[in-house]
């Protein structure tokens, strides 16, 4: 079942989500929600989806960066973004530790801000302590694009959207991104848009 994705302007996207207990995580309802969110994310398509994006103020998000999403990207772009396939997994009640300054900049989009993108500075390395889909503790250490996805989804659980972190001069339609900036290295984008 595909769930409607909340769009910016809906209050649930600006509220801090509540934590889930282990019994709640293991419940039939939450397990069904995870499956519905997975179908919704695949249909969109996207690489992550947080519960607030489907109207639920819960600290739960799903992530999957499929190999086929990378196959049409130029090798230089994959390398620059440090992007690798990430298998499907669930993060619940995550605690994020940023490891280093916000020194990596790339375009980001969001299923809750359909049709737009902007350059967002992020940290290259992160550590996340969370629970998995069974309520078991796990620690994720990630870098590159995977670290960016984690930061983006965990932001959603705190009521933050990428436009709160973006370089406002870089905000544009995905159509214009595809037409003018998609194949440019980030340094060319910085120069061309005069990002500061």
N, C-alpha and C. Protein backbone atom coordinates (compact mmCIF):
# COMPACT_ATOMS: atom_id res chain seq x y z
N UNK A 1 0.84 -1.19 0.00
CA UNK A 1 0.00 0.00 0.00
C UNK A 1 0.87 1.24 0.00
N UNK A 2 0.62 2.12 -0.93
CA UNK A 2 1.38 3.37 -1.00
C UNK A 2 0.71 4.40 -0.11
N UNK A 3 1.52 5.10 0.69
CA UNK A 3 1.04 6.12 1.62
C UNK A 3 1.31 7.49 1.02
N UNK A 4 0.40 8.43 1.26
CA UNK A 4 0.60 9.80 0.79
C UNK A 4 1.79 10.42 1.52
N UNK A 5 2.68 11.06 0.78
CA UNK A 5 3.84 11.71 1.37
C UNK A 5 3.50 13.16 1.71
N UNK A 6 3.69 13.52 2.98
CA UNK A 6 3.43 14.89 3.44
C UNK A 6 4.38 15.85 2.74
N UNK A 7 3.87 17.02 2.40
CA UNK A 7 4.67 18.05 1.75
C UNK A 7 4.93 19.22 2.70
N UNK A 8 6.04 19.92 2.47
CA UNK A 8 6.41 21.05 3.31
C UNK A 8 5.22 21.99 3.47
N UNK A 9 5.00 22.39 4.71
CA UNK A 9 3.82 23.20 5.04
C UNK A 9 2.90 22.44 5.97
N UNK A 10 3.02 21.10 5.96
CA UNK A 10 2.24 20.28 6.88
C UNK A 10 2.97 20.23 8.22
N UNK A 11 2.21 20.48 9.30
CA UNK A 11 2.79 20.64 10.63
C UNK A 11 3.65 19.47 11.08
N UNK A 12 3.28 18.25 10.72
CA UNK A 12 4.00 17.06 11.18
C UNK A 12 5.48 17.10 10.78
N UNK A 13 5.80 17.78 9.68
CA UNK A 13 7.19 17.87 9.23
C UNK A 13 8.02 18.85 10.05
N UNK A 14 7.37 19.63 10.90
CA UNK A 14 8.08 20.64 11.68
C UNK A 14 8.04 20.35 13.19
N UNK A 15 7.60 19.16 13.54
CA UNK A 15 7.52 18.78 14.95
C UNK A 15 8.54 17.70 15.26
N UNK A 16 9.02 17.69 16.51
CA UNK A 16 9.93 16.64 16.95
C UNK A 16 9.13 15.35 17.14
N UNK A 17 9.59 14.29 16.53
CA UNK A 17 8.89 13.00 16.61
C UNK A 17 9.16 12.34 17.96
N UNK A 18 8.23 11.49 18.39
CA UNK A 18 8.38 10.81 19.68
C UNK A 18 9.08 9.47 19.49
N UNK A 19 9.76 9.04 20.55
CA UNK A 19 10.45 7.76 20.51
C UNK A 19 9.47 6.60 20.62
N UNK A 20 9.91 5.45 20.18
CA UNK A 20 9.10 4.22 20.26
C UNK A 20 9.74 3.27 21.26
N UNK A 21 8.89 2.55 22.00
CA UNK A 21 9.36 1.50 22.88
C UNK A 21 9.56 0.22 22.08
N UNK A 22 10.31 -0.72 22.66
CA UNK A 22 10.63 -1.96 21.97
C UNK A 22 9.37 -2.74 21.60
N UNK A 23 8.40 -2.83 22.52
CA UNK A 23 7.16 -3.55 22.21
C UNK A 23 6.41 -2.89 21.06
N UNK A 24 6.45 -1.57 21.03
CA UNK A 24 5.77 -0.83 19.95
C UNK A 24 6.47 -1.09 18.61
N UNK A 25 7.80 -1.14 18.64
CA UNK A 25 8.55 -1.42 17.40
C UNK A 25 8.19 -2.79 16.86
N UNK A 26 8.07 -3.77 17.75
CA UNK A 26 7.81 -5.15 17.33
C UNK A 26 6.34 -5.41 17.02
N UNK A 27 5.48 -4.45 17.28
CA UNK A 27 4.04 -4.65 17.07
C UNK A 27 3.72 -4.87 15.60
N UNK A 28 2.61 -5.54 15.36
CA UNK A 28 2.16 -5.80 13.99
C UNK A 28 1.95 -4.49 13.24
N UNK A 29 1.41 -3.48 13.95
CA UNK A 29 1.12 -2.19 13.31
C UNK A 29 2.40 -1.51 12.80
N UNK A 30 3.45 -1.51 13.65
CA UNK A 30 4.70 -0.87 13.24
C UNK A 30 5.37 -1.66 12.12
N UNK A 31 5.34 -2.98 12.20
CA UNK A 31 5.93 -3.80 11.15
C UNK A 31 5.21 -3.59 9.81
N UNK A 32 3.89 -3.42 9.87
CA UNK A 32 3.12 -3.14 8.66
C UNK A 32 3.45 -1.75 8.13
N UNK A 33 3.60 -0.78 9.05
CA UNK A 33 3.98 0.58 8.65
C UNK A 33 5.32 0.56 7.91
N UNK A 34 6.28 -0.20 8.42
CA UNK A 34 7.59 -0.29 7.78
C UNK A 34 7.45 -0.81 6.35
N UNK A 35 6.63 -1.82 6.14
CA UNK A 35 6.44 -2.36 4.79
C UNK A 35 5.76 -1.36 3.87
N UNK A 36 4.74 -0.65 4.39
CA UNK A 36 4.06 0.36 3.58
C UNK A 36 5.01 1.51 3.24
N UNK A 37 5.84 1.91 4.21
CA UNK A 37 6.82 2.97 3.93
C UNK A 37 7.82 2.51 2.87
N UNK A 38 8.21 1.25 2.92
CA UNK A 38 9.16 0.71 1.93
C UNK A 38 8.55 0.76 0.53
N UNK A 39 7.32 0.34 0.40
CA UNK A 39 6.64 0.41 -0.90
C UNK A 39 6.53 1.85 -1.39
N UNK A 40 6.20 2.75 -0.48
CA UNK A 40 6.06 4.17 -0.83
C UNK A 40 7.39 4.74 -1.29
N UNK A 41 8.46 4.42 -0.57
CA UNK A 41 9.80 4.92 -0.93
C UNK A 41 10.23 4.39 -2.29
N UNK A 42 9.98 3.10 -2.55
CA UNK A 42 10.36 2.52 -3.84
C UNK A 42 9.56 3.13 -4.98
N UNK A 43 8.27 3.37 -4.75
CA UNK A 43 7.41 3.94 -5.79
C UNK A 43 7.81 5.37 -6.14
N UNK A 44 8.35 6.11 -5.16
CA UNK A 44 8.58 7.55 -5.34
C UNK A 44 9.51 7.90 -6.52
N UNK A 45 10.68 7.37 -6.74
CA UNK A 45 11.52 6.58 -5.86
C UNK A 45 12.39 7.49 -5.00
N UNK A 46 12.86 6.95 -3.85
CA UNK A 46 13.75 7.68 -2.97
C UNK A 46 14.71 6.73 -2.31
N UNK A 47 15.65 7.29 -1.54
CA UNK A 47 16.65 6.48 -0.83
C UNK A 47 16.41 6.47 0.68
N UNK A 48 15.42 7.22 1.13
CA UNK A 48 15.10 7.25 2.55
C UNK A 48 13.71 7.83 2.73
N UNK A 49 13.09 7.46 3.84
CA UNK A 49 11.76 7.97 4.17
C UNK A 49 11.59 7.90 5.68
N UNK A 50 11.19 9.01 6.27
CA UNK A 50 10.98 9.09 7.72
C UNK A 50 9.49 9.09 8.01
N UNK A 51 9.11 8.54 9.16
CA UNK A 51 7.69 8.45 9.52
C UNK A 51 6.96 9.80 9.45
N UNK A 52 7.58 10.93 9.88
CA UNK A 52 6.86 12.20 9.73
C UNK A 52 6.48 12.52 8.28
N UNK A 53 7.23 11.98 7.33
CA UNK A 53 6.91 12.22 5.93
C UNK A 53 5.65 11.50 5.47
N UNK A 54 5.19 10.53 6.27
CA UNK A 54 3.92 9.88 5.96
C UNK A 54 2.88 10.24 7.02
N UNK A 55 3.12 11.37 7.70
CA UNK A 55 2.13 11.92 8.61
C UNK A 55 2.17 11.41 10.04
N UNK A 56 3.23 10.65 10.40
CA UNK A 56 3.29 10.07 11.74
C UNK A 56 4.51 10.59 12.50
N UNK A 57 4.30 11.20 13.63
CA UNK A 57 5.37 11.76 14.43
C UNK A 57 6.10 10.73 15.25
N UNK A 58 6.74 9.78 14.58
CA UNK A 58 7.46 8.69 15.23
C UNK A 58 8.92 8.73 14.82
N UNK A 59 9.83 8.40 15.75
CA UNK A 59 11.25 8.39 15.42
C UNK A 59 11.62 7.07 14.74
N UNK A 60 11.19 6.98 13.51
CA UNK A 60 11.42 5.79 12.69
C UNK A 60 11.69 6.24 11.26
N UNK A 61 12.73 5.69 10.67
CA UNK A 61 13.03 5.99 9.26
C UNK A 61 13.56 4.74 8.60
N UNK A 62 13.40 4.69 7.28
CA UNK A 62 13.93 3.58 6.49
C UNK A 62 14.90 4.14 5.46
N UNK A 63 15.88 3.32 5.09
CA UNK A 63 16.91 3.74 4.15
C UNK A 63 17.24 2.58 3.22
N UNK A 64 17.42 2.90 1.95
CA UNK A 64 17.92 1.92 0.97
C UNK A 64 18.38 2.68 -0.27
N UNK A 65 19.64 2.51 -0.61
CA UNK A 65 20.18 3.12 -1.83
C UNK A 65 20.53 1.96 -2.77
N UNK A 66 19.61 1.69 -3.68
CA UNK A 66 19.72 0.50 -4.54
C UNK A 66 20.86 0.63 -5.55
N UNK A 67 21.50 -0.50 -5.91
CA UNK A 67 22.57 -0.47 -6.90
C UNK A 67 22.12 0.15 -8.23
N UNK A 68 20.86 -0.10 -8.61
CA UNK A 68 20.40 0.44 -9.90
C UNK A 68 20.32 1.97 -9.92
N UNK A 69 20.25 2.60 -8.73
CA UNK A 69 20.24 4.07 -8.68
C UNK A 69 21.59 4.65 -9.07
N UNK A 70 22.64 3.83 -8.96
CA UNK A 70 23.99 4.31 -9.25
C UNK A 70 24.44 3.99 -10.67
N UNK A 71 23.77 3.04 -11.33
CA UNK A 71 24.29 2.51 -12.60
C UNK A 71 24.34 3.55 -13.72
N UNK A 72 23.45 4.54 -13.71
CA UNK A 72 23.46 5.55 -14.78
C UNK A 72 24.24 6.81 -14.41
N UNK A 73 24.79 6.83 -13.20
CA UNK A 73 25.59 7.98 -12.78
C UNK A 73 27.00 7.87 -13.35
N UNK A 74 27.57 8.98 -13.82
CA UNK A 74 28.97 8.93 -14.27
C UNK A 74 29.87 8.49 -13.11
N UNK A 75 30.91 7.74 -13.42
CA UNK A 75 31.83 7.23 -12.39
C UNK A 75 32.42 8.36 -11.56
N UNK A 76 32.71 9.48 -12.21
CA UNK A 76 33.29 10.62 -11.48
C UNK A 76 32.31 11.16 -10.44
N UNK A 77 31.03 11.18 -10.77
CA UNK A 77 30.02 11.67 -9.83
C UNK A 77 29.85 10.72 -8.65
N UNK A 78 29.89 9.42 -8.93
CA UNK A 78 29.79 8.41 -7.86
C UNK A 78 30.98 8.56 -6.91
N UNK A 79 32.16 8.74 -7.49
CA UNK A 79 33.38 8.89 -6.68
C UNK A 79 33.34 10.18 -5.86
N UNK A 80 32.96 11.29 -6.50
CA UNK A 80 32.93 12.58 -5.80
C UNK A 80 31.97 12.54 -4.61
N UNK A 81 30.86 11.85 -4.77
CA UNK A 81 29.85 11.77 -3.71
C UNK A 81 30.13 10.66 -2.70
N UNK A 82 31.14 9.83 -3.00
CA UNK A 82 31.44 8.66 -2.16
C UNK A 82 30.16 7.83 -1.98
N UNK A 83 29.53 7.54 -3.12
CA UNK A 83 28.24 6.86 -3.09
C UNK A 83 28.38 5.38 -3.38
N UNK A 84 27.77 4.56 -2.52
CA UNK A 84 27.74 3.11 -2.68
C UNK A 84 26.34 2.64 -2.37
N UNK A 85 25.98 1.49 -2.89
CA UNK A 85 24.67 0.92 -2.58
C UNK A 85 24.58 0.63 -1.09
N UNK A 86 23.40 0.85 -0.53
CA UNK A 86 23.14 0.59 0.89
C UNK A 86 21.90 -0.30 0.97
N UNK A 87 22.01 -1.47 1.62
CA UNK A 87 20.85 -2.35 1.71
C UNK A 87 19.75 -1.76 2.58
N UNK A 88 18.53 -2.24 2.39
CA UNK A 88 17.38 -1.77 3.15
C UNK A 88 17.58 -2.00 4.65
N UNK A 89 17.29 -0.97 5.44
CA UNK A 89 17.30 -1.12 6.88
C UNK A 89 16.45 -0.03 7.53
N UNK A 90 16.15 -0.26 8.79
CA UNK A 90 15.29 0.61 9.58
C UNK A 90 16.12 1.20 10.71
N UNK A 91 15.91 2.48 11.00
CA UNK A 91 16.51 3.10 12.18
C UNK A 91 15.39 3.66 13.04
N UNK A 92 15.46 3.37 14.35
CA UNK A 92 14.45 3.83 15.29
C UNK A 92 15.16 4.53 16.45
N UNK A 93 14.60 5.64 16.89
CA UNK A 93 15.15 6.42 18.02
C UNK A 93 16.64 6.72 17.83
N UNK A 94 17.05 7.20 16.66
CA UNK A 94 18.49 7.38 16.41
C UNK A 94 19.10 8.54 17.19
N UNK A 95 20.35 8.33 17.62
CA UNK A 95 21.17 9.39 18.19
C UNK A 95 22.34 9.57 17.24
N UNK A 96 22.48 10.76 16.72
CA UNK A 96 23.48 11.05 15.68
C UNK A 96 24.67 11.78 16.29
N UNK A 97 25.87 11.28 15.98
CA UNK A 97 27.10 11.97 16.36
C UNK A 97 27.78 12.40 15.06
N UNK A 98 27.92 13.71 14.88
CA UNK A 98 28.60 14.23 13.69
C UNK A 98 30.10 14.17 13.94
N UNK A 99 30.83 13.67 12.97
CA UNK A 99 32.27 13.52 13.14
C UNK A 99 33.01 14.42 12.17
N UNK A 100 33.20 15.66 12.60
CA UNK A 100 33.91 16.63 11.79
C UNK A 100 33.02 17.79 11.40
N UNK A 101 33.60 18.77 10.72
CA UNK A 101 32.84 19.95 10.28
C UNK A 101 31.96 19.64 9.07
N UNK A 102 31.01 20.54 8.81
CA UNK A 102 30.16 20.40 7.62
C UNK A 102 30.98 20.80 6.40
N UNK A 103 31.67 19.82 5.84
CA UNK A 103 32.63 20.14 4.78
C UNK A 103 32.33 19.47 3.44
N UNK A 104 31.18 18.84 3.33
CA UNK A 104 30.82 18.18 2.08
C UNK A 104 29.52 18.80 1.57
N UNK A 105 29.55 19.27 0.34
CA UNK A 105 28.39 19.96 -0.23
C UNK A 105 27.94 19.27 -1.51
N UNK A 106 26.65 18.96 -1.57
CA UNK A 106 26.06 18.40 -2.78
C UNK A 106 24.59 18.80 -2.82
N UNK A 107 24.00 18.61 -3.99
CA UNK A 107 22.57 18.83 -4.13
C UNK A 107 21.82 17.74 -3.38
N UNK A 108 20.75 18.13 -2.73
CA UNK A 108 19.83 17.19 -2.07
C UNK A 108 18.43 17.52 -2.52
N UNK A 109 17.61 16.49 -2.59
CA UNK A 109 16.19 16.66 -2.82
C UNK A 109 15.45 16.00 -1.67
N UNK A 110 14.15 16.08 -1.70
CA UNK A 110 13.34 15.49 -0.63
C UNK A 110 11.97 15.14 -1.19
N UNK A 111 11.48 13.97 -0.83
CA UNK A 111 10.16 13.56 -1.28
C UNK A 111 9.06 14.46 -0.71
N UNK A 112 9.37 15.20 0.36
CA UNK A 112 8.40 16.13 0.95
C UNK A 112 8.53 17.54 0.40
N UNK A 113 9.39 17.71 -0.58
CA UNK A 113 9.54 19.00 -1.26
C UNK A 113 9.72 18.67 -2.75
N UNK A 114 8.70 18.02 -3.29
CA UNK A 114 8.76 17.47 -4.63
C UNK A 114 9.05 18.54 -5.68
N UNK A 115 9.98 18.21 -6.58
CA UNK A 115 10.26 19.08 -7.72
C UNK A 115 11.35 20.11 -7.49
N UNK A 116 12.03 20.05 -6.34
CA UNK A 116 13.06 21.05 -6.04
C UNK A 116 14.32 20.38 -5.49
N UNK A 117 15.43 21.12 -5.53
CA UNK A 117 16.70 20.65 -5.00
C UNK A 117 17.53 21.86 -4.61
N UNK A 118 18.57 21.62 -3.80
CA UNK A 118 19.48 22.69 -3.40
C UNK A 118 20.77 22.06 -2.87
N UNK A 119 21.83 22.86 -2.84
CA UNK A 119 23.09 22.41 -2.28
C UNK A 119 23.00 22.51 -0.76
N UNK A 120 23.37 21.40 -0.10
CA UNK A 120 23.30 21.33 1.36
C UNK A 120 24.66 20.89 1.90
N UNK A 121 25.23 21.65 2.84
CA UNK A 121 26.47 21.20 3.47
C UNK A 121 26.17 20.13 4.51
N UNK A 122 26.97 19.09 4.51
CA UNK A 122 26.81 18.00 5.48
C UNK A 122 28.18 17.55 5.98
N UNK A 123 28.17 16.77 7.02
CA UNK A 123 29.39 16.17 7.56
C UNK A 123 29.66 14.87 6.79
N UNK A 124 30.93 14.59 6.55
CA UNK A 124 31.32 13.42 5.76
C UNK A 124 31.18 12.11 6.54
N UNK A 125 31.45 12.13 7.84
CA UNK A 125 31.42 10.91 8.67
C UNK A 125 30.45 11.08 9.82
N UNK A 126 29.65 10.05 10.08
CA UNK A 126 28.72 10.08 11.20
C UNK A 126 28.71 8.74 11.92
N UNK A 127 28.25 8.80 13.16
CA UNK A 127 28.00 7.60 13.95
C UNK A 127 26.56 7.71 14.43
N UNK A 128 25.79 6.63 14.28
CA UNK A 128 24.39 6.62 14.70
C UNK A 128 24.17 5.44 15.63
N UNK A 129 23.65 5.73 16.81
CA UNK A 129 23.21 4.69 17.73
C UNK A 129 21.69 4.64 17.63
N UNK A 130 21.13 3.46 17.41
CA UNK A 130 19.70 3.36 17.20
C UNK A 130 19.22 1.95 17.52
N UNK A 131 17.93 1.74 17.30
CA UNK A 131 17.34 0.41 17.36
C UNK A 131 16.98 0.00 15.94
N UNK A 132 16.99 -1.31 15.68
CA UNK A 132 16.60 -1.79 14.36
C UNK A 132 15.11 -2.14 14.34
N UNK A 133 14.66 -2.78 13.28
CA UNK A 133 13.24 -3.10 13.12
C UNK A 133 12.74 -4.12 14.14
N UNK A 134 13.66 -4.79 14.84
CA UNK A 134 13.28 -5.73 15.90
C UNK A 134 13.45 -5.14 17.29
N UNK A 135 13.85 -3.87 17.36
CA UNK A 135 14.07 -3.23 18.66
C UNK A 135 15.43 -3.55 19.26
N UNK A 136 16.34 -4.09 18.45
CA UNK A 136 17.68 -4.41 18.94
C UNK A 136 18.62 -3.22 18.70
N UNK A 137 19.51 -2.99 19.65
CA UNK A 137 20.47 -1.88 19.54
C UNK A 137 21.46 -2.15 18.42
N UNK A 138 21.80 -1.08 17.71
CA UNK A 138 22.86 -1.20 16.71
C UNK A 138 23.56 0.14 16.56
N UNK A 139 24.77 0.08 16.08
CA UNK A 139 25.58 1.28 15.83
C UNK A 139 25.96 1.27 14.36
N UNK A 140 25.74 2.39 13.72
CA UNK A 140 26.09 2.55 12.30
C UNK A 140 27.19 3.60 12.20
N UNK A 141 28.27 3.26 11.53
CA UNK A 141 29.29 4.25 11.21
C UNK A 141 29.28 4.38 9.70
N UNK A 142 29.08 5.60 9.23
CA UNK A 142 28.90 5.81 7.79
C UNK A 142 29.69 7.02 7.32
N UNK A 143 30.02 6.99 6.04
CA UNK A 143 30.69 8.14 5.43
C UNK A 143 30.10 8.36 4.04
N UNK A 144 30.46 9.49 3.46
CA UNK A 144 30.02 9.81 2.11
C UNK A 144 28.51 9.97 1.99
N UNK A 145 27.97 9.45 0.89
CA UNK A 145 26.55 9.64 0.59
C UNK A 145 25.64 8.99 1.63
N UNK A 146 26.05 7.84 2.15
CA UNK A 146 25.27 7.16 3.18
C UNK A 146 25.16 8.04 4.43
N UNK A 147 26.25 8.69 4.80
CA UNK A 147 26.22 9.61 5.95
C UNK A 147 25.25 10.76 5.68
N UNK A 148 25.20 11.24 4.44
CA UNK A 148 24.27 12.31 4.05
C UNK A 148 22.83 11.84 4.19
N UNK A 149 22.53 10.64 3.72
CA UNK A 149 21.17 10.10 3.82
C UNK A 149 20.76 10.01 5.29
N UNK A 150 21.64 9.48 6.13
CA UNK A 150 21.34 9.37 7.56
C UNK A 150 21.04 10.73 8.17
N UNK A 151 21.88 11.72 7.86
CA UNK A 151 21.66 13.07 8.41
C UNK A 151 20.33 13.64 7.94
N UNK A 152 20.01 13.45 6.68
CA UNK A 152 18.77 13.96 6.10
C UNK A 152 17.55 13.34 6.80
N UNK A 153 17.56 12.01 6.95
CA UNK A 153 16.41 11.33 7.55
C UNK A 153 16.29 11.63 9.04
N UNK A 154 17.40 11.68 9.74
CA UNK A 154 17.35 11.99 11.17
C UNK A 154 16.89 13.43 11.39
N UNK A 155 17.26 14.34 10.49
CA UNK A 155 16.72 15.71 10.55
C UNK A 155 15.20 15.68 10.56
N UNK A 156 14.60 14.86 9.71
CA UNK A 156 13.14 14.78 9.65
C UNK A 156 12.53 14.43 11.01
N UNK A 157 13.22 13.61 11.78
CA UNK A 157 12.70 13.18 13.07
C UNK A 157 12.77 14.30 14.11
N UNK A 158 13.53 15.35 13.78
CA UNK A 158 13.66 16.51 14.68
C UNK A 158 12.87 17.72 14.17
N UNK A 159 12.12 17.54 13.08
CA UNK A 159 11.34 18.64 12.52
C UNK A 159 12.13 19.56 11.62
N UNK A 160 13.25 19.07 11.10
CA UNK A 160 14.12 19.86 10.22
C UNK A 160 14.05 19.31 8.80
N UNK A 161 14.01 20.21 7.83
CA UNK A 161 13.98 19.85 6.41
C UNK A 161 15.22 20.45 5.76
N UNK A 162 15.68 19.86 4.65
CA UNK A 162 16.95 20.31 4.06
C UNK A 162 16.98 21.79 3.73
N UNK A 163 15.84 22.39 3.47
CA UNK A 163 15.83 23.83 3.15
C UNK A 163 16.27 24.67 4.34
N UNK A 164 16.24 24.11 5.54
CA UNK A 164 16.75 24.81 6.71
C UNK A 164 18.27 24.87 6.73
N UNK A 165 18.91 24.00 5.97
CA UNK A 165 20.37 23.89 5.96
C UNK A 165 21.00 24.29 4.62
N UNK A 166 20.19 24.49 3.61
CA UNK A 166 20.70 24.71 2.25
C UNK A 166 21.35 26.07 2.07
N UNK A 167 22.12 26.19 1.00
CA UNK A 167 22.56 27.49 0.51
C UNK A 167 21.39 28.03 -0.32
N UNK A 168 20.76 29.08 0.16
CA UNK A 168 19.53 29.55 -0.48
C UNK A 168 19.73 29.93 -1.95
N UNK A 169 20.92 30.37 -2.32
CA UNK A 169 21.17 30.74 -3.72
C UNK A 169 21.13 29.54 -4.65
N UNK A 170 21.25 28.33 -4.08
CA UNK A 170 21.28 27.13 -4.92
C UNK A 170 19.91 26.49 -5.10
N UNK A 171 18.88 27.00 -4.44
CA UNK A 171 17.55 26.40 -4.51
C UNK A 171 16.99 26.54 -5.93
N UNK A 172 16.54 25.41 -6.50
CA UNK A 172 16.05 25.43 -7.88
C UNK A 172 15.12 24.26 -8.14
N UNK A 173 14.45 24.33 -9.27
CA UNK A 173 13.60 23.20 -9.68
C UNK A 173 14.50 22.05 -10.13
N UNK A 174 14.00 20.84 -9.99
CA UNK A 174 14.78 19.69 -10.45
C UNK A 174 14.95 19.73 -11.97
N UNK A 175 13.99 20.37 -12.65
CA UNK A 175 14.12 20.53 -14.11
C UNK A 175 15.34 21.38 -14.46
N UNK A 176 15.50 22.51 -13.77
CA UNK A 176 16.67 23.36 -14.04
C UNK A 176 17.97 22.71 -13.57
N UNK A 177 17.90 21.96 -12.48
CA UNK A 177 19.08 21.22 -12.04
C UNK A 177 19.53 20.27 -13.16
N UNK A 178 18.59 19.51 -13.72
CA UNK A 178 18.91 18.58 -14.80
C UNK A 178 19.44 19.28 -16.04
N UNK A 179 18.91 20.44 -16.32
CA UNK A 179 19.28 21.18 -17.53
C UNK A 179 20.65 21.86 -17.39
N UNK A 180 20.95 22.41 -16.20
CA UNK A 180 22.13 23.27 -16.07
C UNK A 180 23.25 22.75 -15.16
N UNK A 181 22.95 21.93 -14.15
CA UNK A 181 23.93 21.66 -13.11
C UNK A 181 24.23 20.19 -12.85
N UNK A 182 23.41 19.31 -13.32
CA UNK A 182 23.49 17.88 -12.99
C UNK A 182 24.87 17.29 -13.23
N UNK A 183 25.50 17.62 -14.32
CA UNK A 183 26.77 17.00 -14.69
C UNK A 183 28.00 17.80 -14.29
N UNK A 184 27.79 18.83 -13.48
CA UNK A 184 28.92 19.67 -13.07
C UNK A 184 29.45 19.22 -11.70
N UNK A 185 30.76 19.34 -11.53
CA UNK A 185 31.37 19.06 -10.23
C UNK A 185 30.92 20.14 -9.25
N UNK A 186 30.94 19.84 -7.98
CA UNK A 186 30.43 20.78 -6.98
C UNK A 186 31.22 22.09 -6.98
N UNK A 187 32.51 22.07 -7.30
CA UNK A 187 33.27 23.32 -7.34
C UNK A 187 32.77 24.23 -8.46
N UNK A 188 32.34 23.63 -9.59
CA UNK A 188 31.77 24.42 -10.69
C UNK A 188 30.43 25.01 -10.27
N UNK A 189 29.65 24.24 -9.53
CA UNK A 189 28.36 24.73 -9.03
C UNK A 189 28.59 25.89 -8.08
N UNK A 190 29.55 25.74 -7.16
CA UNK A 190 29.86 26.83 -6.21
C UNK A 190 30.22 28.11 -6.94
N UNK A 191 31.09 27.98 -7.97
CA UNK A 191 31.52 29.15 -8.73
C UNK A 191 30.36 29.74 -9.53
N UNK A 192 29.62 28.87 -10.21
CA UNK A 192 28.53 29.33 -11.08
C UNK A 192 27.39 29.99 -10.33
N UNK A 193 27.09 29.52 -9.13
CA UNK A 193 26.00 30.09 -8.35
C UNK A 193 26.46 31.08 -7.29
N UNK A 194 27.79 31.26 -7.21
CA UNK A 194 28.40 32.15 -6.22
C UNK A 194 27.91 31.82 -4.81
N UNK A 195 28.12 30.57 -4.43
CA UNK A 195 27.70 30.12 -3.10
C UNK A 195 28.72 30.55 -2.07
N UNK A 196 28.24 31.03 -0.94
CA UNK A 196 29.13 31.48 0.14
C UNK A 196 28.64 30.98 1.46
